[in-house]
Protein backbone atom coordinates (compact mmCIF):
# COMPACT_ATOMS: atom_id res chain seq x y z
CA MET A 1 0.00 0.00 0.00
CA LEU A 2 1.39 3.39 -1.00
CA ASP A 3 1.41 6.27 1.42
CA THR A 4 -0.86 9.08 0.37
CA PRO A 5 1.23 12.22 -0.13
CA THR A 6 0.18 15.08 2.04
CA THR A 7 1.07 18.73 2.07
CA PHE A 8 2.78 20.38 4.98
CA TYR A 9 -0.51 22.20 5.52
CA GLU A 10 -2.28 18.89 6.13
CA ARG A 11 0.64 17.37 7.98
CA ILE A 12 0.86 20.14 10.58
CA GLY A 13 -2.87 20.35 11.23
CA GLY A 14 -4.22 22.80 8.68
CA PHE A 15 -5.46 26.29 9.32
CA GLU A 16 -5.68 25.84 13.09
CA THR A 17 -1.91 25.39 13.23
CA VAL A 18 -1.24 28.21 10.75
CA ASP A 19 -3.39 30.44 12.95
CA ARG A 20 -1.38 29.50 16.07
CA LEU A 21 1.88 29.99 14.16
CA VAL A 22 1.03 33.50 13.01
CA GLU A 23 -0.35 34.54 16.39
CA ALA A 24 2.85 33.31 18.07
CA PHE A 25 4.99 35.03 15.42
CA TYR A 26 3.44 38.46 15.99
CA ARG A 27 3.41 37.97 19.76
CA ASN A 28 7.15 37.29 19.50
CA MET A 29 7.59 40.37 17.36
CA ASP A 30 5.85 42.42 20.05
CA ASN A 31 7.86 40.86 22.89
CA PHE A 32 11.40 40.18 21.60
CA PRO A 33 13.68 43.21 22.02
CA GLN A 34 15.65 42.05 18.95
CA ALA A 35 12.49 42.53 16.85
CA ARG A 36 11.84 46.13 17.85
CA GLU A 37 12.94 47.52 14.47
CA ILE A 38 10.95 45.11 12.33
CA ARG A 39 7.90 45.57 14.54
CA ALA A 40 8.17 49.32 13.92
CA MET A 41 7.83 48.61 10.17
CA HIS A 42 4.26 47.42 10.79
CA ALA A 43 1.07 49.26 11.69
CA GLU A 44 0.20 49.40 15.37
CA ASP A 45 -2.93 47.32 14.71
CA LEU A 46 -1.83 44.02 13.18
CA THR A 47 -5.31 42.62 12.52
CA ALA A 48 -5.14 42.93 8.73
CA THR A 49 -1.46 41.94 8.60
CA ARG A 50 -2.15 38.78 10.61
CA ALA A 51 -4.99 37.81 8.29
CA VAL A 52 -2.83 38.27 5.18
CA LEU A 53 0.07 36.24 6.62
CA LYS A 54 -2.28 33.44 7.68
CA THR A 55 -3.78 33.26 4.20
CA TYR A 56 -0.35 33.43 2.54
CA LEU A 57 1.25 30.77 4.77
CA ALA A 58 -1.74 28.46 4.42
CA GLU A 59 -1.32 28.54 0.64
CA TRP A 60 2.50 28.42 0.80
CA LEU A 61 2.25 25.26 2.89
CA GLY A 62 -0.07 23.60 0.37
CA GLY A 63 -3.46 24.63 1.68
CA PRO A 64 -6.29 26.53 0.01
CA LYS A 65 -5.23 28.99 -2.70
CA ASN A 66 -7.14 31.86 -1.10
CA TYR A 67 -4.18 34.24 -1.07
CA SER A 68 -3.63 33.99 -4.83
CA ALA A 69 -7.35 34.15 -5.53
CA LYS A 70 -7.60 37.43 -3.62
CA LYS A 71 -4.23 39.08 -4.23
CA GLY A 72 -2.74 37.34 -7.27
CA HIS A 73 0.91 36.32 -7.36
CA PRO A 74 2.55 37.02 -3.97
CA ARG A 75 5.30 39.28 -5.42
CA LEU A 76 6.76 39.39 -1.93
CA ARG A 77 9.82 41.44 -2.75
CA MET A 78 7.77 44.01 -4.64
CA ARG A 79 5.24 44.25 -1.80
CA HIS A 80 8.08 44.82 0.68
CA ALA A 81 10.30 47.02 -1.54
CA HIS A 82 9.49 50.14 0.50
CA LEU A 83 11.14 48.54 3.55
CA ARG A 84 14.84 48.12 4.18
CA ILE A 85 15.41 44.40 4.64
CA GLY A 86 19.00 43.51 5.33
CA PRO A 87 20.67 40.78 7.35
CA ALA A 88 19.59 42.27 10.70
CA GLU A 89 15.94 42.48 9.67
CA ARG A 90 16.06 38.98 8.20
CA ASP A 91 17.59 37.62 11.40
CA ALA A 92 15.02 39.34 13.62
CA TRP A 93 12.19 38.00 11.47
CA LEU A 94 13.65 34.49 11.63
CA LEU A 95 14.12 34.73 15.40
CA CYS A 96 10.41 35.46 15.79
CA MET A 97 9.35 32.86 13.23
CA ASN A 98 11.59 30.08 14.51
CA ALA A 99 10.29 30.55 18.04
CA ALA A 100 6.73 30.51 16.66
CA LEU A 101 7.47 27.31 14.73
CA GLU A 102 8.71 25.68 17.95
CA GLU A 103 5.54 26.72 19.74
CA ALA A 104 2.99 25.89 17.05
CA ILE A 105 4.24 22.82 15.15
CA ALA A 106 4.62 19.55 17.03
CA ASP A 107 6.02 17.49 14.13
CA ALA A 108 9.77 18.07 14.48
CA ASP A 109 10.64 16.97 10.94
CA ALA A 110 7.97 19.17 9.37
CA ARG A 111 8.95 22.05 11.63
CA GLY A 112 12.59 21.73 10.59
CA ARG A 113 11.86 21.53 6.88
CA ILE A 114 9.41 24.43 7.01
CA GLY A 115 11.99 26.43 8.98
CA GLU A 116 14.65 25.73 6.35
CA ASP A 117 12.35 26.87 3.56
CA LEU A 118 11.35 29.99 5.49
CA ALA A 119 15.03 30.80 6.09
CA LYS A 120 15.65 30.65 2.33
CA LEU A 121 12.62 32.84 1.72
CA ALA A 122 13.72 35.34 4.37
CA ASP A 123 17.19 35.54 2.85
CA TRP A 124 15.74 36.03 -0.62
CA MET A 125 13.60 38.91 0.73
CA ARG A 126 16.68 40.95 1.54
CA ASN A 127 16.83 44.06 -0.60
CA ASP A 128 20.27 45.22 0.46
CA PRO A 129 23.22 45.40 -1.98
CA GLN A 130 24.87 42.33 -0.41
CA ASN A 131 21.95 40.00 -1.11
CA PRO A 132 23.62 36.98 -2.74
CA HIS A 133 20.49 36.29 -4.81
CA ASP A 134 20.74 39.69 -6.51
CA GLN A 135 24.50 39.44 -6.97
CA ARG A 136 24.02 36.26 -9.05
CA HIS A 137 21.56 37.97 -11.42
């Protein structure tokens, strides 16, 4: 009998887990002193921002394609181009996200693989002159 392939979205518990992940992420951003600068990049009220990240991550993890249906292609770098994202901002974001992953996702293998993919995404988001992705192109 073949194993039925599942998405990370299904494997981690679907939207309930994505919801916990995003709530933990923004709580970390509010509470971690190292995240003060990236928190200042956001509006005081994070209600809309939380909803967008939940929809994006759900789709990114293999869940419903609601983000694309509503907003089209993510174009993450374009949507964040007005912000300075260098190594310090990337690292602060990853600090908050990695702690949220630890809190929200019980499956250690899935958590590790998702964390690796998010680290690549966070590094790609850098818009500083030293971004290795841009130097190759």
